[in-house]
Amino acid sequence: MSAKVALQLNAILGIATALAASAIMWLVLTRPADVAATVARHEYDALVVAVARQLGAWVHAVLQFV
């Protein structure tokens, strides 16, 4: 693996991680009771679905803007 490929992979992974963290923080700030209840019940699938929906909504909004 060349250095260029490794840097590109690192950048993609960093962007994806930042977006996921932003979506989780958005959910914690906008729906704290739902997130706390989901984590307390160990139902992480619901949290992943909510994060994916939030990211999809953000992508949709950006595409409508463009």
PDB file of N, CA and C in Angstrom:
ATOM      1  N   MET A   1       0.867  -1.175   0.000  1.00  0.00           N
ATOM      2  CA  MET A   1       0.000   0.000   0.000  1.00  0.00           C
ATOM      3  C   MET A   1       0.904   1.226   0.000  1.00  0.00           C
ATOM      4  N   SER A   2       0.651   2.105  -0.941  1.00  0.00           N
ATOM      5  CA  SER A   2       1.476   3.300  -1.029  1.00  0.00           C
ATOM      6  C   SER A   2       1.045   4.326   0.011  1.00  0.00           C
ATOM      7  N   ALA A   3       1.882   5.310   0.205  1.00  0.00           N
ATOM      8  CA  ALA A   3       1.601   6.348   1.194  1.00  0.00           C
ATOM      9  C   ALA A   3       0.390   7.176   0.787  1.00  0.00           C
ATOM     10  N   LYS A   4       0.216   7.395  -0.505  1.00  0.00           N
ATOM     11  CA  LYS A   4      -0.927   8.179  -0.982  1.00  0.00           C
ATOM     12  C   LYS A   4      -2.248   7.472  -0.687  1.00  0.00           C
ATOM     13  N   VAL A   5      -2.299   6.177  -0.921  1.00  0.00           N
ATOM     14  CA  VAL A   5      -3.504   5.400  -0.660  1.00  0.00           C
ATOM     15  C   VAL A   5      -3.789   5.372   0.836  1.00  0.00           C
ATOM     16  N   ALA A   6      -2.756   5.206   1.630  1.00  0.00           N
ATOM     17  CA  ALA A   6      -2.926   5.175   3.085  1.00  0.00           C
ATOM     18  C   ALA A   6      -3.463   6.517   3.590  1.00  0.00           C
ATOM     19  N   LEU A   7      -2.982   7.608   3.066  1.00  0.00           N
ATOM     20  CA  LEU A   7      -3.469   8.926   3.480  1.00  0.00           C
ATOM     21  C   LEU A   7      -4.909   9.150   3.040  1.00  0.00           C
ATOM     22  N   GLN A   8      -5.259   8.704   1.846  1.00  0.00           N
ATOM     23  CA  GLN A   8      -6.632   8.840   1.377  1.00  0.00           C
ATOM     24  C   GLN A   8      -7.582   8.003   2.223  1.00  0.00           C
ATOM     25  N   LEU A   9      -7.186   6.789   2.555  1.00  0.00           N
ATOM     26  CA  LEU A   9      -7.999   5.934   3.410  1.00  0.00           C
ATOM     27  C   LEU A   9      -8.163   6.546   4.796  1.00  0.00           C
ATOM     28  N   ASN A  10      -7.102   7.110   5.323  1.00  0.00           N
ATOM     29  CA  ASN A  10      -7.148   7.772   6.617  1.00  0.00           C
ATOM     30  C   ASN A  10      -8.084   8.979   6.582  1.00  0.00           C
ATOM     31  N   ALA A  11      -8.055   9.737   5.517  1.00  0.00           N
ATOM     32  CA  ALA A  11      -8.931  10.911   5.396  1.00  0.00           C
ATOM     33  C   ALA A  11     -10.393  10.486   5.304  1.00  0.00           C
ATOM     34  N   ILE A  12     -10.689   9.467   4.532  1.00  0.00           N
ATOM     35  CA  ILE A  12     -12.068   8.975   4.393  1.00  0.00           C
ATOM     36  C   ILE A  12     -12.577   8.458   5.726  1.00  0.00           C
ATOM     37  N   LEU A  13     -11.750   7.708   6.416  1.00  0.00           N
ATOM     38  CA  LEU A  13     -12.137   7.174   7.722  1.00  0.00           C
ATOM     39  C   LEU A  13     -12.353   8.297   8.732  1.00  0.00           C
ATOM     40  N   GLY A  14     -11.516   9.312   8.685  1.00  0.00           N
ATOM     41  CA  GLY A  14     -11.671  10.454   9.583  1.00  0.00           C
ATOM     42  C   GLY A  14     -12.954  11.234   9.321  1.00  0.00           C
ATOM     43  N   ILE A  15     -13.280  11.439   8.074  1.00  0.00           N
ATOM     44  CA  ILE A  15     -14.511  12.152   7.725  1.00  0.00           C
ATOM     45  C   ILE A  15     -15.734  11.344   8.150  1.00  0.00           C
ATOM     46  N   ALA A  16     -15.713  10.045   7.904  1.00  0.00           N
ATOM     47  CA  ALA A  16     -16.838   9.199   8.292  1.00  0.00           C
ATOM     48  C   ALA A  16     -17.021   9.184   9.807  1.00  0.00           C
ATOM     49  N   THR A  17     -15.932   9.131  10.536  1.00  0.00           N
ATOM     50  CA  THR A  17     -16.002   9.138  11.991  1.00  0.00           C
ATOM     51  C   THR A  17     -16.536  10.463  12.505  1.00  0.00           C
ATOM     52  N   ALA A  18     -16.081  11.559  11.923  1.00  0.00           N
ATOM     53  CA  ALA A  18     -16.562  12.882  12.342  1.00  0.00           C
ATOM     54  C   ALA A  18     -18.058  13.041  12.054  1.00  0.00           C
ATOM     55  N   LEU A  19     -18.511  12.557  10.911  1.00  0.00           N
ATOM     56  CA  LEU A  19     -19.937  12.635  10.585  1.00  0.00           C
ATOM     57  C   LEU A  19     -20.772  11.785  11.538  1.00  0.00           C
ATOM     58  N   ALA A  20     -20.308  10.580  11.844  1.00  0.00           N
ATOM     59  CA  ALA A  20     -21.044   9.728  12.774  1.00  0.00           C
ATOM     60  C   ALA A  20     -21.096  10.351  14.169  1.00  0.00           C
ATOM     61  N   ALA A  21     -19.992  10.911  14.619  1.00  0.00           N
ATOM     62  CA  ALA A  21     -19.972  11.555  15.932  1.00  0.00           C
ATOM     63  C   ALA A  21     -20.885  12.768  15.957  1.00  0.00           C
ATOM     64  N   SER A  22     -20.910  13.516  14.875  1.00  0.00           N
ATOM     65  CA  SER A  22     -21.799  14.680  14.798  1.00  0.00           C
ATOM     66  C   SER A  22     -23.258  14.261  14.848  1.00  0.00           C
ATOM     67  N   ALA A  23     -23.591  13.195  14.143  1.00  0.00           N
ATOM     68  CA  ALA A  23     -24.977  12.713  14.147  1.00  0.00           C
ATOM     69  C   ALA A  23     -25.378  12.220  15.531  1.00  0.00           C
ATOM     70  N   ILE A  24     -24.486  11.521  16.207  1.00  0.00           N
ATOM     71  CA  ILE A  24     -24.802  11.044  17.557  1.00  0.00           C
ATOM     72  C   ILE A  24     -24.985  12.219  18.509  1.00  0.00           C
ATOM     73  N   MET A  25     -24.118  13.208  18.431  1.00  0.00           N
ATOM     74  CA  MET A  25     -24.254  14.377  19.311  1.00  0.00           C
ATOM     75  C   MET A  25     -25.541  15.138  18.994  1.00  0.00           C
ATOM     76  N   TRP A  26     -25.905  15.217  17.723  1.00  0.00           N
ATOM     77  CA  TRP A  26     -27.160  15.874  17.340  1.00  0.00           C
ATOM     78  C   TRP A  26     -28.350  15.159  17.976  1.00  0.00           C
ATOM     79  N   LEU A  27     -28.326  13.837  17.924  1.00  0.00           N
ATOM     80  CA  LEU A  27     -29.413  13.070  18.538  1.00  0.00           C
ATOM     81  C   LEU A  27     -29.426  13.235  20.053  1.00  0.00           C
ATOM     82  N   VAL A  28     -28.262  13.270  20.669  1.00  0.00           N
ATOM     83  CA  VAL A  28     -28.195  13.444  22.125  1.00  0.00           C
ATOM     84  C   VAL A  28     -28.739  14.809  22.516  1.00  0.00           C
ATOM     85  N   LEU A  29     -28.480  15.810  21.724  1.00  0.00           N
ATOM     86  CA  LEU A  29     -28.949  17.158  22.050  1.00  0.00           C
ATOM     87  C   LEU A  29     -30.422  17.371  21.721  1.00  0.00           C
ATOM     88  N   THR A  30     -30.918  16.718  20.683  1.00  0.00           N
ATOM     89  CA  THR A  30     -32.303  16.955  20.276  1.00  0.00           C
ATOM     90  C   THR A  30     -33.285  15.972  20.893  1.00  0.00           C
ATOM     91  N   ARG A  31     -32.846  14.735  21.159  1.00  0.00           N
ATOM     92  CA  ARG A  31     -33.727  13.710  21.740  1.00  0.00           C
ATOM     93  C   ARG A  31     -32.997  12.942  22.838  1.00  0.00           C
ATOM     94  N   PRO A  32     -32.647  13.617  23.922  1.00  0.00           N
ATOM     95  CA  PRO A  32     -31.829  12.949  24.951  1.00  0.00           C
ATOM     96  C   PRO A  32     -32.538  11.789  25.640  1.00  0.00           C
ATOM     97  N   ALA A  33     -33.831  11.901  25.870  1.00  0.00           N
ATOM     98  CA  ALA A  33     -34.558  10.825  26.558  1.00  0.00           C
ATOM     99  C   ALA A  33     -34.592   9.560  25.701  1.00  0.00           C
ATOM    100  N   ASP A  34     -34.828   9.716  24.409  1.00  0.00           N
ATOM    101  CA  ASP A  34     -34.867   8.551  23.516  1.00  0.00           C
ATOM    102  C   ASP A  34     -33.507   7.861  23.448  1.00  0.00           C
ATOM    103  N   VAL A  35     -32.444   8.657  23.342  1.00  0.00           N
ATOM    104  CA  VAL A  35     -31.100   8.085  23.258  1.00  0.00           C
ATOM    105  C   VAL A  35     -30.743   7.382  24.569  1.00  0.00           C
ATOM    106  N   ALA A  36     -31.049   8.012  25.687  1.00  0.00           N
ATOM    107  CA  ALA A  36     -30.738   7.403  26.983  1.00  0.00           C
ATOM    108  C   ALA A  36     -31.514   6.103  27.183  1.00  0.00           C
ATOM    109  N   ALA A  37     -32.772   6.084  26.801  1.00  0.00           N
ATOM    110  CA  ALA A  37     -33.578   4.868  26.947  1.00  0.00           C
ATOM    111  C   ALA A  37     -33.059   3.757  26.037  1.00  0.00           C
ATOM    112  N   THR A  38     -32.662   4.107  24.845  1.00  0.00           N
ATOM    113  CA  THR A  38     -32.137   3.122  23.901  1.00  0.00           C
ATOM    114  C   THR A  38     -30.841   2.510  24.412  1.00  0.00           C
ATOM    115  N   VAL A  39     -29.953   3.348  24.922  1.00  0.00           N
ATOM    116  CA  VAL A  39     -28.681   2.848  25.440  1.00  0.00           C
ATOM    117  C   VAL A  39     -28.907   2.033  26.716  1.00  0.00           C
ATOM    118  N   ALA A  40     -29.835   2.463  27.559  1.00  0.00           N
ATOM    119  CA  ALA A  40     -30.113   1.733  28.800  1.00  0.00           C
ATOM    120  C   ALA A  40     -30.659   0.331  28.514  1.00  0.00           C
ATOM    121  N   ARG A  41     -31.424   0.193  27.441  1.00  0.00           N
ATOM    122  CA  ARG A  41     -31.984  -1.111  27.071  1.00  0.00           C
ATOM    123  C   ARG A  41     -31.027  -1.924  26.199  1.00  0.00           C
ATOM    124  N   HIS A  42     -29.857  -1.379  25.905  1.00  0.00           N
ATOM    125  CA  HIS A  42     -28.844  -2.027  25.058  1.00  0.00           C
ATOM    126  C   HIS A  42     -29.390  -2.327  23.665  1.00  0.00           C
ATOM    127  N   GLU A  43     -30.217  -1.452  23.142  1.00  0.00           N
ATOM    128  CA  GLU A  43     -30.765  -1.592  21.788  1.00  0.00           C
ATOM    129  C   GLU A  43     -29.998  -0.658  20.848  1.00  0.00           C
ATOM    130  N   TYR A  44     -28.787  -1.057  20.545  1.00  0.00           N
ATOM    131  CA  TYR A  44     -27.929  -0.202  19.731  1.00  0.00           C
ATOM    132  C   TYR A  44     -28.356  -0.170  18.276  1.00  0.00           C
ATOM    133  N   ASP A  45     -29.118  -1.149  17.839  1.00  0.00           N
ATOM    134  CA  ASP A  45     -29.616  -1.150  16.465  1.00  0.00           C
ATOM    135  C   ASP A  45     -30.487   0.073  16.199  1.00  0.00           C
ATOM    136  N   ALA A  46     -31.328   0.419  17.154  1.00  0.00           N
ATOM    137  CA  ALA A  46     -32.186   1.595  16.994  1.00  0.00           C
ATOM    138  C   ALA A  46     -31.359   2.873  16.916  1.00  0.00           C
ATOM    139  N   LEU A  47     -30.282   2.929  17.674  1.00  0.00           N
ATOM    140  CA  LEU A  47     -29.403   4.102  17.631  1.00  0.00           C
ATOM    141  C   LEU A  47     -28.694   4.208  16.286  1.00  0.00           C
ATOM    142  N   VAL A  48     -28.257   3.072  15.764  1.00  0.00           N
ATOM    143  CA  VAL A  48     -27.594   3.060  14.457  1.00  0.00           C
ATOM    144  C   VAL A  48     -28.567   3.489  13.363  1.00  0.00           C
ATOM    145  N   VAL A  49     -29.799   3.023  13.432  1.00  0.00           N
ATOM    146  CA  VAL A  49     -30.810   3.409  12.449  1.00  0.00           C
ATOM    147  C   VAL A  49     -31.090   4.913  12.538  1.00  0.00           C
ATOM    148  N   ALA A  50     -31.181   5.433  13.754  1.00  0.00           N
ATOM    149  CA  ALA A  50     -31.434   6.870  13.927  1.00  0.00           C
ATOM    150  C   ALA A  50     -30.278   7.699  13.387  1.00  0.00           C
ATOM    151  N   VAL A  51     -29.054   7.253  13.618  1.00  0.00           N
ATOM    152  CA  VAL A  51     -27.880   7.962  13.091  1.00  0.00           C
ATOM    153  C   VAL A  51     -27.883   7.913  11.570  1.00  0.00           C
ATOM    154  N   ALA A  52     -28.193   6.769  10.994  1.00  0.00           N
ATOM    155  CA  ALA A  52     -28.231   6.651   9.534  1.00  0.00           C
ATOM    156  C   ALA A  52     -29.308   7.548   8.936  1.00  0.00           C
ATOM    157  N   ARG A  53     -30.466   7.610   9.588  1.00  0.00           N
ATOM    158  CA  ARG A  53     -31.524   8.505   9.099  1.00  0.00           C
ATOM    159  C   ARG A  53     -31.090   9.962   9.173  1.00  0.00           C
ATOM    160  N   GLN A  54     -30.398  10.326  10.262  1.00  0.00           N
ATOM    161  CA  GLN A  54     -29.938  11.704  10.416  1.00  0.00           C
ATOM    162  C   GLN A  54     -28.914  12.051   9.344  1.00  0.00           C
ATOM    163  N   LEU A  55     -27.977  11.149   9.106  1.00  0.00           N
ATOM    164  CA  LEU A  55     -26.983  11.392   8.057  1.00  0.00           C
ATOM    165  C   LEU A  55     -27.655  11.473   6.688  1.00  0.00           C
ATOM    166  N   GLY A  56     -28.647  10.624   6.451  1.00  0.00           N
ATOM    167  CA  GLY A  56     -29.388  10.686   5.191  1.00  0.00           C
ATOM    168  C   GLY A  56     -30.128  12.003   5.025  1.00  0.00           C
ATOM    169  N   ALA A  57     -30.686  12.497   6.118  1.00  0.00           N
ATOM    170  CA  ALA A  57     -31.382  13.786   6.055  1.00  0.00           C
ATOM    171  C   ALA A  57     -30.406  14.910   5.754  1.00  0.00           C
ATOM    172  N   TRP A  58     -29.212  14.844   6.343  1.00  0.00           N
ATOM    173  CA  TRP A  58     -28.204  15.868   6.066  1.00  0.00           C
ATOM    174  C   TRP A  58     -27.758  15.819   4.610  1.00  0.00           C
ATOM    175  N   VAL A  59     -27.541  14.624   4.080  1.00  0.00           N
ATOM    176  CA  VAL A  59     -27.127  14.483   2.678  1.00  0.00           C
ATOM    177  C   VAL A  59     -28.247  14.994   1.765  1.00  0.00           C
ATOM    178  N   HIS A  60     -29.480  14.673   2.094  1.00  0.00           N
ATOM    179  CA  HIS A  60     -30.616  15.136   1.306  1.00  0.00           C
ATOM    180  C   HIS A  60     -30.692  16.654   1.294  1.00  0.00           C
ATOM    181  N   ALA A  61     -30.493  17.273   2.449  1.00  0.00           N
ATOM    182  CA  ALA A  61     -30.536  18.733   2.536  1.00  0.00           C
ATOM    183  C   ALA A  61     -29.408  19.369   1.737  1.00  0.00           C
ATOM    184  N   VAL A  62     -28.228  18.784   1.792  1.00  0.00           N
ATOM    185  CA  VAL A  62     -27.107  19.325   1.028  1.00  0.00           C
ATOM    186  C   VAL A  62     -27.357  19.180  -0.463  1.00  0.00           C
ATOM    187  N   LEU A  63     -27.896  18.048  -0.886  1.00  0.00           N
ATOM    188  CA  LEU A  63     -28.165  17.847  -2.312  1.00  0.00           C
ATOM    189  C   LEU A  63     -29.266  18.784  -2.823  1.00  0.00           C
ATOM    190  N   GLN A  64     -30.251  19.078  -1.984  1.00  0.00           N
ATOM    191  CA  GLN A  64     -31.279  20.037  -2.392  1.00  0.00           C
ATOM    192  C   GLN A  64     -30.698  21.441  -2.495  1.00  0.00           C
ATOM    193  N   PHE A  65     -29.752  21.756  -1.624  1.00  0.00           N
ATOM    194  CA  PHE A  65     -29.106  23.064  -1.632  1.00  0.00           C
ATOM    195  C   PHE A  65     -28.281  23.244  -2.890  1.00  0.00           C
ATOM    196  N   VAL A  66     -27.604  22.171  -3.314  1.00  0.00           N
ATOM    197  CA  VAL A  66     -26.738  22.228  -4.488  1.00  0.00           C
ATOM    198  C   VAL A  66     -27.623  22.168  -5.697  1.00  0.00           C
TER     199      VAL A  66
END
